[in-house]
N, C-alpha and C. Protein backbone atom coordinates (compact mmCIF):
# COMPACT_ATOMS: atom_id res chain seq x y z
N MET A 1 84.41 85.93 106.00
CA MET A 1 85.61 85.33 105.43
C MET A 1 86.78 85.71 106.34
N VAL A 2 87.61 84.77 106.66
CA VAL A 2 88.76 85.02 107.50
C VAL A 2 90.01 85.02 106.65
N ALA A 3 90.81 86.05 106.77
CA ALA A 3 92.03 86.15 105.99
C ALA A 3 93.06 85.16 106.51
N VAL A 4 93.84 84.61 105.60
CA VAL A 4 94.91 83.71 105.98
C VAL A 4 95.89 84.46 106.87
N GLY A 5 96.23 83.88 107.97
CA GLY A 5 97.19 84.51 108.87
C GLY A 5 96.55 85.49 109.85
N ALA A 6 95.24 85.72 109.73
CA ALA A 6 94.58 86.62 110.66
C ALA A 6 94.46 85.94 112.02
N LYS A 7 94.37 86.72 113.08
CA LYS A 7 94.25 86.15 114.42
C LYS A 7 92.94 85.37 114.48
N SER A 8 91.99 85.77 115.29
CA SER A 8 90.75 85.01 115.36
C SER A 8 89.55 85.83 114.90
N ARG A 9 89.76 87.09 114.60
CA ARG A 9 88.62 87.91 114.20
C ARG A 9 88.53 87.97 112.68
N PRO A 10 87.31 88.00 112.15
CA PRO A 10 87.16 88.09 110.70
C PRO A 10 87.59 89.45 110.18
N VAL A 11 88.10 89.46 108.98
CA VAL A 11 88.49 90.70 108.32
C VAL A 11 87.35 91.09 107.39
N ARG A 12 86.88 92.33 107.52
CA ARG A 12 85.74 92.79 106.73
C ARG A 12 86.08 92.83 105.24
N LYS A 13 85.08 92.55 104.42
CA LYS A 13 85.21 92.73 102.98
C LYS A 13 85.19 94.22 102.71
N SER A 14 85.80 94.63 101.60
CA SER A 14 85.80 96.05 101.25
C SER A 14 84.42 96.47 100.79
N GLY A 15 84.18 97.75 100.78
CA GLY A 15 82.89 98.24 100.33
C GLY A 15 82.98 99.72 99.98
N PRO A 16 81.86 100.30 99.56
CA PRO A 16 81.85 101.71 99.19
C PRO A 16 82.26 102.58 100.37
N GLY A 17 82.98 103.63 100.07
CA GLY A 17 83.39 104.58 101.08
C GLY A 17 84.63 104.18 101.85
N MET A 18 85.20 103.01 101.55
CA MET A 18 86.37 102.55 102.28
C MET A 18 87.63 103.32 101.90
N ALA A 19 87.74 103.77 100.66
CA ALA A 19 88.97 104.40 100.18
C ALA A 19 89.29 105.68 100.95
N ASP A 20 88.26 106.36 101.47
CA ASP A 20 88.53 107.61 102.17
C ASP A 20 88.99 107.38 103.61
N LYS A 21 89.12 106.14 104.04
CA LYS A 21 89.51 105.85 105.42
C LYS A 21 90.97 105.42 105.53
N LEU A 22 91.77 105.67 104.52
CA LEU A 22 93.18 105.30 104.58
C LEU A 22 93.97 106.31 105.39
N PRO A 23 94.67 105.85 106.41
CA PRO A 23 95.52 106.78 107.16
C PRO A 23 96.80 107.08 106.38
N PRO A 24 97.10 108.36 106.14
CA PRO A 24 98.29 108.72 105.36
C PRO A 24 99.59 108.17 105.94
N ARG A 25 99.64 107.91 107.24
CA ARG A 25 100.86 107.38 107.86
C ARG A 25 101.26 106.03 107.29
N LEU A 26 100.32 105.33 106.63
CA LEU A 26 100.66 104.04 106.02
C LEU A 26 101.76 104.17 104.98
N LEU A 27 101.86 105.33 104.35
CA LEU A 27 102.90 105.53 103.33
C LEU A 27 104.30 105.55 103.95
N LEU A 28 104.40 105.75 105.25
CA LEU A 28 105.70 105.75 105.92
C LEU A 28 106.20 104.32 106.17
N ASN A 29 105.29 103.38 106.12
CA ASN A 29 105.61 101.97 106.30
C ASN A 29 105.96 101.39 104.92
N PRO A 30 107.11 100.73 104.74
CA PRO A 30 107.47 100.21 103.41
C PRO A 30 106.40 99.30 102.81
N ALA A 31 105.79 98.44 103.63
CA ALA A 31 104.73 97.57 103.12
C ALA A 31 103.53 98.40 102.69
N GLY A 32 103.19 99.41 103.47
CA GLY A 32 102.07 100.29 103.11
C GLY A 32 102.36 101.07 101.85
N PHE A 33 103.57 101.58 101.73
CA PHE A 33 103.96 102.34 100.53
C PHE A 33 103.79 101.49 99.27
N LEU A 34 104.23 100.24 99.34
CA LEU A 34 104.09 99.36 98.18
C LEU A 34 102.64 98.93 97.97
N ALA A 35 101.99 98.44 99.03
CA ALA A 35 100.61 97.95 98.91
C ALA A 35 99.68 99.04 98.39
N LEU A 36 99.93 100.27 98.78
CA LEU A 36 99.08 101.40 98.35
C LEU A 36 99.60 102.03 97.06
N GLY A 37 100.42 101.29 96.34
CA GLY A 37 100.85 101.70 95.00
C GLY A 37 101.57 103.01 94.97
N PHE A 38 102.52 103.24 95.90
CA PHE A 38 103.31 104.47 95.95
C PHE A 38 102.43 105.68 96.21
N GLY A 39 101.25 105.46 96.77
CA GLY A 39 100.30 106.53 97.06
C GLY A 39 99.11 106.58 96.12
N SER A 40 99.17 105.85 95.02
CA SER A 40 98.06 105.89 94.06
C SER A 40 96.78 105.30 94.63
N GLY A 41 96.89 104.46 95.65
CA GLY A 41 95.71 103.87 96.27
C GLY A 41 94.88 104.87 97.06
N PHE A 42 95.40 106.07 97.27
CA PHE A 42 94.67 107.11 97.99
C PHE A 42 93.67 107.85 97.09
N VAL A 43 93.73 107.63 95.79
CA VAL A 43 92.78 108.29 94.89
C VAL A 43 91.37 107.88 95.31
N PRO A 44 90.48 108.84 95.58
CA PRO A 44 89.16 108.49 96.13
C PRO A 44 88.22 107.77 95.15
N VAL A 45 88.37 108.03 93.87
CA VAL A 45 87.51 107.37 92.87
C VAL A 45 88.40 106.57 91.93
N GLY A 46 88.16 105.29 91.86
CA GLY A 46 88.94 104.44 90.96
C GLY A 46 90.37 104.19 91.39
N PRO A 47 90.61 103.82 92.65
CA PRO A 47 91.99 103.58 93.06
C PRO A 47 92.65 102.43 92.29
N GLY A 48 91.87 101.44 91.87
CA GLY A 48 92.44 100.34 91.07
C GLY A 48 92.95 100.83 89.73
N THR A 49 92.22 101.75 89.13
CA THR A 49 92.65 102.33 87.86
C THR A 49 93.89 103.19 88.10
N ALA A 50 93.91 103.94 89.20
CA ALA A 50 95.09 104.75 89.53
C ALA A 50 96.30 103.86 89.78
N GLY A 51 96.09 102.74 90.45
CA GLY A 51 97.18 101.80 90.69
C GLY A 51 97.72 101.21 89.40
N THR A 52 96.81 100.89 88.48
CA THR A 52 97.23 100.38 87.18
C THR A 52 98.01 101.44 86.43
N LEU A 53 97.56 102.68 86.52
CA LEU A 53 98.27 103.79 85.89
C LEU A 53 99.66 103.96 86.49
N ALA A 54 99.79 103.73 87.79
CA ALA A 54 101.10 103.80 88.44
C ALA A 54 102.03 102.70 87.96
N ALA A 55 101.47 101.63 87.43
CA ALA A 55 102.28 100.52 86.92
C ALA A 55 102.90 100.84 85.56
N VAL A 56 102.32 101.77 84.82
CA VAL A 56 102.81 102.07 83.47
C VAL A 56 104.27 102.54 83.48
N PRO A 57 104.66 103.52 84.30
CA PRO A 57 106.08 103.91 84.30
C PRO A 57 107.00 102.76 84.72
N LEU A 58 106.52 101.94 85.64
CA LEU A 58 107.32 100.78 86.06
C LEU A 58 107.51 99.83 84.89
N TYR A 59 106.44 99.58 84.15
CA TYR A 59 106.55 98.74 82.96
C TYR A 59 107.54 99.35 81.95
N LEU A 60 107.45 100.65 81.73
CA LEU A 60 108.34 101.30 80.76
C LEU A 60 109.81 101.17 81.17
N LEU A 61 110.07 101.14 82.48
CA LEU A 61 111.44 100.92 82.95
C LEU A 61 111.90 99.48 82.74
N LEU A 62 110.97 98.55 82.82
CA LEU A 62 111.31 97.13 82.78
C LEU A 62 111.17 96.48 81.39
N GLN A 63 110.52 97.15 80.47
CA GLN A 63 110.16 96.52 79.20
C GLN A 63 111.33 96.03 78.37
N HIS A 64 112.49 96.58 78.58
CA HIS A 64 113.65 96.19 77.77
C HIS A 64 114.47 95.06 78.39
N LEU A 65 114.03 94.57 79.53
CA LEU A 65 114.71 93.44 80.15
C LEU A 65 114.53 92.18 79.30
N HIS A 66 115.46 91.27 79.43
CA HIS A 66 115.31 89.95 78.79
C HIS A 66 113.99 89.34 79.31
N PRO A 67 113.21 88.69 78.45
CA PRO A 67 111.90 88.15 78.89
C PRO A 67 111.99 87.27 80.13
N GLY A 68 113.03 86.45 80.23
CA GLY A 68 113.17 85.60 81.41
C GLY A 68 113.39 86.41 82.68
N LEU A 69 114.20 87.45 82.58
CA LEU A 69 114.45 88.33 83.72
C LEU A 69 113.18 89.10 84.09
N TYR A 70 112.47 89.58 83.07
CA TYR A 70 111.22 90.30 83.30
C TYR A 70 110.23 89.40 84.05
N LEU A 71 110.02 88.19 83.55
CA LEU A 71 109.09 87.27 84.19
C LEU A 71 109.53 86.91 85.61
N GLY A 72 110.82 86.71 85.80
CA GLY A 72 111.33 86.41 87.13
C GLY A 72 111.06 87.54 88.09
N LEU A 73 111.28 88.77 87.63
CA LEU A 73 111.03 89.93 88.47
C LEU A 73 109.54 90.06 88.80
N VAL A 74 108.68 89.82 87.81
CA VAL A 74 107.24 89.89 88.05
C VAL A 74 106.83 88.81 89.06
N CYS A 75 107.42 87.64 88.97
CA CYS A 75 107.14 86.57 89.96
C CYS A 75 107.55 87.03 91.36
N VAL A 76 108.71 87.66 91.47
CA VAL A 76 109.17 88.16 92.77
C VAL A 76 108.20 89.22 93.29
N LEU A 77 107.77 90.13 92.42
CA LEU A 77 106.84 91.18 92.82
C LEU A 77 105.50 90.58 93.28
N PHE A 78 105.07 89.51 92.59
CA PHE A 78 103.85 88.81 93.00
C PHE A 78 104.03 88.20 94.39
N LEU A 79 105.13 87.48 94.58
CA LEU A 79 105.37 86.81 95.86
C LEU A 79 105.54 87.82 97.00
N VAL A 80 106.21 88.94 96.73
CA VAL A 80 106.35 90.00 97.74
C VAL A 80 104.98 90.59 98.05
N GLY A 81 104.12 90.65 97.05
CA GLY A 81 102.79 91.23 97.24
C GLY A 81 101.92 90.46 98.21
N ILE A 82 102.13 89.16 98.31
CA ILE A 82 101.28 88.34 99.20
C ILE A 82 101.40 88.82 100.65
N PRO A 83 102.61 88.87 101.22
CA PRO A 83 102.67 89.32 102.62
C PRO A 83 102.40 90.82 102.79
N ILE A 84 102.80 91.65 101.83
CA ILE A 84 102.56 93.09 102.05
C ILE A 84 101.06 93.41 101.98
N CYS A 85 100.35 92.79 101.04
CA CYS A 85 98.90 93.04 100.94
C CYS A 85 98.18 92.46 102.15
N SER A 86 98.61 91.28 102.59
CA SER A 86 98.02 90.67 103.78
C SER A 86 98.25 91.56 105.00
N HIS A 87 99.46 92.06 105.16
CA HIS A 87 99.81 92.91 106.30
C HIS A 87 98.97 94.19 106.31
N VAL A 88 98.87 94.85 105.18
CA VAL A 88 98.13 96.11 105.11
C VAL A 88 96.63 95.86 105.26
N ALA A 89 96.13 94.76 104.71
CA ALA A 89 94.71 94.42 104.90
C ALA A 89 94.40 94.21 106.38
N ARG A 90 95.31 93.56 107.10
CA ARG A 90 95.12 93.37 108.55
C ARG A 90 95.17 94.72 109.28
N LEU A 91 96.10 95.59 108.89
CA LEU A 91 96.19 96.91 109.52
C LEU A 91 94.90 97.70 109.31
N LEU A 92 94.32 97.58 108.12
CA LEU A 92 93.10 98.32 107.78
C LEU A 92 91.85 97.59 108.25
N ASP A 93 92.00 96.32 108.65
CA ASP A 93 90.89 95.48 109.08
C ASP A 93 89.85 95.32 107.96
N VAL A 94 90.35 95.27 106.72
CA VAL A 94 89.48 95.09 105.56
C VAL A 94 90.20 94.19 104.57
N HIS A 95 89.56 93.08 104.17
CA HIS A 95 90.16 92.23 103.15
C HIS A 95 90.05 92.93 101.80
N ASP A 96 91.15 93.06 101.12
CA ASP A 96 91.23 93.68 99.78
C ASP A 96 90.61 95.07 99.75
N HIS A 97 91.08 95.91 100.63
CA HIS A 97 90.69 97.33 100.64
C HIS A 97 90.94 97.92 99.26
N PRO A 98 90.04 98.76 98.74
CA PRO A 98 90.24 99.34 97.41
C PRO A 98 91.56 100.08 97.25
N GLY A 99 92.09 100.62 98.34
CA GLY A 99 93.36 101.35 98.29
C GLY A 99 94.58 100.45 98.12
N ILE A 100 94.42 99.16 98.39
CA ILE A 100 95.52 98.21 98.19
C ILE A 100 95.56 97.93 96.69
N VAL A 101 96.58 98.46 96.02
CA VAL A 101 96.64 98.37 94.56
C VAL A 101 97.92 97.70 94.04
N TRP A 102 98.73 97.14 94.95
CA TRP A 102 99.92 96.42 94.50
C TRP A 102 99.52 95.29 93.55
N ASP A 103 98.37 94.68 93.81
CA ASP A 103 97.88 93.61 92.95
C ASP A 103 97.59 94.11 91.54
N GLU A 104 97.08 95.32 91.40
CA GLU A 104 96.86 95.90 90.07
C GLU A 104 98.19 96.17 89.38
N ILE A 105 99.16 96.64 90.12
CA ILE A 105 100.48 96.92 89.53
C ILE A 105 101.06 95.64 88.96
N VAL A 106 101.05 94.58 89.75
CA VAL A 106 101.60 93.30 89.29
C VAL A 106 100.74 92.73 88.16
N GLY A 107 99.43 92.85 88.27
CA GLY A 107 98.54 92.35 87.21
C GLY A 107 98.81 93.02 85.87
N TYR A 108 99.05 94.33 85.89
CA TYR A 108 99.36 95.03 84.65
C TYR A 108 100.71 94.56 84.09
N LEU A 109 101.68 94.36 84.96
CA LEU A 109 102.99 93.86 84.50
C LEU A 109 102.86 92.48 83.89
N VAL A 110 101.97 91.66 84.42
CA VAL A 110 101.69 90.34 83.81
C VAL A 110 101.09 90.54 82.42
N THR A 111 100.13 91.44 82.32
CA THR A 111 99.49 91.73 81.03
C THR A 111 100.53 92.09 79.97
N MET A 112 101.53 92.85 80.37
CA MET A 112 102.49 93.38 79.41
C MET A 112 103.71 92.48 79.20
N ALA A 113 103.71 91.29 79.79
CA ALA A 113 104.89 90.41 79.75
C ALA A 113 105.41 90.16 78.33
N PHE A 114 104.56 89.89 77.40
CA PHE A 114 105.00 89.60 76.03
C PHE A 114 104.37 90.57 75.03
N ALA A 115 104.05 91.75 75.51
CA ALA A 115 103.38 92.75 74.66
C ALA A 115 104.33 93.30 73.61
N PRO A 116 103.80 93.57 72.43
CA PRO A 116 104.61 94.24 71.41
C PRO A 116 104.98 95.64 71.88
N ALA A 117 106.02 96.18 71.32
CA ALA A 117 106.47 97.53 71.68
C ALA A 117 105.52 98.58 71.13
N GLY A 118 105.46 99.70 71.82
CA GLY A 118 104.69 100.85 71.33
C GLY A 118 103.59 101.27 72.28
N TRP A 119 103.28 102.57 72.20
CA TRP A 119 102.26 103.13 73.08
C TRP A 119 100.88 102.55 72.84
N THR A 120 100.60 102.15 71.61
CA THR A 120 99.29 101.55 71.34
C THR A 120 99.09 100.33 72.22
N TRP A 121 100.14 99.52 72.39
CA TRP A 121 100.05 98.31 73.18
C TRP A 121 100.06 98.61 74.68
N VAL A 122 100.76 99.67 75.08
CA VAL A 122 100.75 100.07 76.49
C VAL A 122 99.31 100.43 76.90
N VAL A 123 98.65 101.21 76.04
CA VAL A 123 97.27 101.63 76.32
C VAL A 123 96.31 100.44 76.19
N THR A 124 96.49 99.63 75.17
CA THR A 124 95.63 98.45 74.98
C THR A 124 95.73 97.52 76.19
N GLY A 125 96.95 97.30 76.65
CA GLY A 125 97.13 96.46 77.83
C GLY A 125 96.46 97.04 79.06
N PHE A 126 96.56 98.36 79.21
CA PHE A 126 95.92 99.04 80.33
C PHE A 126 94.41 98.81 80.29
N VAL A 127 93.80 99.05 79.13
CA VAL A 127 92.35 98.92 78.99
C VAL A 127 91.92 97.46 79.19
N LEU A 128 92.62 96.53 78.57
CA LEU A 128 92.26 95.11 78.71
C LEU A 128 92.38 94.65 80.16
N PHE A 129 93.46 95.03 80.81
CA PHE A 129 93.62 94.61 82.20
C PHE A 129 92.49 95.17 83.05
N ARG A 130 92.16 96.45 82.88
CA ARG A 130 91.08 97.04 83.68
C ARG A 130 89.76 96.33 83.40
N ILE A 131 89.50 95.99 82.14
CA ILE A 131 88.24 95.28 81.82
C ILE A 131 88.17 93.96 82.57
N PHE A 132 89.24 93.16 82.49
CA PHE A 132 89.21 91.86 83.16
C PHE A 132 89.22 92.01 84.68
N ASP A 133 89.90 93.01 85.19
CA ASP A 133 89.95 93.20 86.65
C ASP A 133 88.60 93.65 87.18
N ILE A 134 87.89 94.46 86.43
CA ILE A 134 86.58 94.95 86.88
C ILE A 134 85.48 93.91 86.63
N ALA A 135 85.45 93.34 85.42
CA ALA A 135 84.39 92.39 85.06
C ALA A 135 84.54 91.05 85.79
N LYS A 136 85.75 90.65 86.06
CA LYS A 136 86.05 89.41 86.76
C LYS A 136 85.29 88.20 86.22
N PRO A 137 85.53 87.83 84.95
CA PRO A 137 84.88 86.61 84.45
C PRO A 137 85.41 85.38 85.18
N TRP A 138 84.67 84.26 85.08
CA TRP A 138 85.11 83.03 85.71
C TRP A 138 86.44 82.64 85.11
N PRO A 139 87.41 82.19 85.84
CA PRO A 139 87.46 81.86 87.27
C PRO A 139 87.97 83.00 88.15
N ILE A 140 88.14 84.19 87.56
CA ILE A 140 88.65 85.32 88.34
C ILE A 140 87.70 85.66 89.48
N ARG A 141 86.41 85.74 89.19
CA ARG A 141 85.42 86.08 90.22
C ARG A 141 85.40 85.02 91.32
N TRP A 142 85.49 83.75 90.93
CA TRP A 142 85.50 82.67 91.93
C TRP A 142 86.69 82.84 92.87
N CYS A 143 87.87 83.09 92.30
CA CYS A 143 89.07 83.28 93.13
C CYS A 143 88.92 84.49 94.04
N ASP A 144 88.36 85.56 93.51
CA ASP A 144 88.17 86.78 94.29
C ASP A 144 87.29 86.52 95.51
N ARG A 145 86.29 85.67 95.34
CA ARG A 145 85.34 85.40 96.42
C ARG A 145 85.78 84.28 97.36
N GLN A 146 86.56 83.34 96.85
CA GLN A 146 86.85 82.15 97.63
C GLN A 146 88.24 82.10 98.26
N VAL A 147 89.19 82.84 97.71
CA VAL A 147 90.56 82.78 98.21
C VAL A 147 90.83 84.04 99.03
N SER A 148 91.19 83.84 100.28
CA SER A 148 91.36 84.99 101.17
C SER A 148 92.83 85.29 101.42
N GLY A 149 93.06 86.31 102.21
CA GLY A 149 94.41 86.70 102.59
C GLY A 149 95.15 87.38 101.45
N GLY A 150 96.44 87.56 101.68
CA GLY A 150 97.28 88.22 100.69
C GLY A 150 97.32 87.47 99.36
N PHE A 151 97.30 86.13 99.44
CA PHE A 151 97.30 85.34 98.20
C PHE A 151 96.02 85.60 97.40
N GLY A 152 94.90 85.68 98.08
CA GLY A 152 93.63 85.97 97.40
C GLY A 152 93.61 87.35 96.78
N ILE A 153 94.18 88.33 97.50
CA ILE A 153 94.24 89.69 96.97
C ILE A 153 95.04 89.70 95.66
N MET A 154 96.14 88.97 95.65
CA MET A 154 97.03 88.97 94.48
C MET A 154 96.51 88.09 93.34
N LEU A 155 95.87 86.96 93.68
CA LEU A 155 95.53 85.94 92.68
C LEU A 155 94.55 86.43 91.62
N ASP A 156 93.49 87.11 92.01
CA ASP A 156 92.50 87.52 91.00
C ASP A 156 93.12 88.49 89.99
N ASP A 157 94.03 89.35 90.43
CA ASP A 157 94.67 90.28 89.50
C ASP A 157 95.72 89.58 88.63
N LEU A 158 96.36 88.57 89.18
CA LEU A 158 97.26 87.75 88.37
C LEU A 158 96.48 87.11 87.22
N LEU A 159 95.33 86.55 87.54
CA LEU A 159 94.49 85.92 86.51
C LEU A 159 93.97 86.95 85.51
N ALA A 160 93.56 88.12 86.00
CA ALA A 160 93.11 89.18 85.08
C ALA A 160 94.24 89.57 84.14
N GLY A 161 95.47 89.61 84.66
CA GLY A 161 96.63 89.92 83.83
C GLY A 161 96.89 88.85 82.80
N VAL A 162 96.73 87.59 83.17
CA VAL A 162 96.91 86.48 82.22
C VAL A 162 95.84 86.55 81.12
N PHE A 163 94.60 86.77 81.51
CA PHE A 163 93.52 86.88 80.51
C PHE A 163 93.81 88.03 79.55
N ALA A 164 94.19 89.18 80.09
CA ALA A 164 94.47 90.35 79.25
C ALA A 164 95.67 90.08 78.35
N ALA A 165 96.69 89.38 78.85
CA ALA A 165 97.87 89.05 78.04
C ALA A 165 97.50 88.14 76.88
N VAL A 166 96.63 87.19 77.13
CA VAL A 166 96.19 86.28 76.05
C VAL A 166 95.45 87.07 74.98
N VAL A 167 94.56 87.96 75.39
CA VAL A 167 93.84 88.78 74.41
C VAL A 167 94.82 89.67 73.65
N MET A 168 95.81 90.22 74.33
CA MET A 168 96.82 91.05 73.65
C MET A 168 97.53 90.24 72.57
N GLN A 169 97.89 89.01 72.89
CA GLN A 169 98.59 88.17 71.91
C GLN A 169 97.68 87.84 70.72
N LEU A 170 96.42 87.58 71.00
CA LEU A 170 95.46 87.32 69.91
C LEU A 170 95.30 88.57 69.04
N LEU A 171 95.18 89.74 69.65
CA LEU A 171 95.08 90.98 68.89
C LEU A 171 96.34 91.19 68.04
N ASN A 172 97.48 90.94 68.62
CA ASN A 172 98.74 91.12 67.88
C ASN A 172 98.83 90.16 66.70
N HIS A 173 98.34 88.95 66.90
CA HIS A 173 98.41 87.94 65.84
C HIS A 173 97.44 88.22 64.69
N PHE A 174 96.22 88.64 65.06
CA PHE A 174 95.18 88.81 64.02
C PHE A 174 94.99 90.24 63.56
N TRP A 175 95.63 91.21 64.22
CA TRP A 175 95.42 92.62 63.88
C TRP A 175 96.35 93.05 62.80
């Protein structure tokens, strides 16, 4: 698979053992700092979960914004994520390296867009997002496999966030 914007060489898919190959100097680069989730992507086991956990304080800071402003900001974070994730994936020579967790951060913020207030919902959103991000039901899995580059890195987590948000709303309505 060739990443969008890549020169002429293919970018390797991620795999086991890739998380331990992150050069710490990437945190000095603003794109690296963001793509690696403020450093949470360096966690050797479960960097996606660590990245999602890093999103919780960000959500808590943003949760009181007007819904339109919140959604606008999440859209900006998604759009910013496309080039930063693409750039860092090219630097690492791996498409969607496990340490790239900006997509999890944005995906969790999508999950929480219309969430009810309270810690129960913060945790529920965390768990639901991780379930959809890991299980990748259709069409999330299709997007993960077929869409490359920074947009592909971001898209599957955006969809996982939408799925988790829908389940959150159903739980809120029927619970």
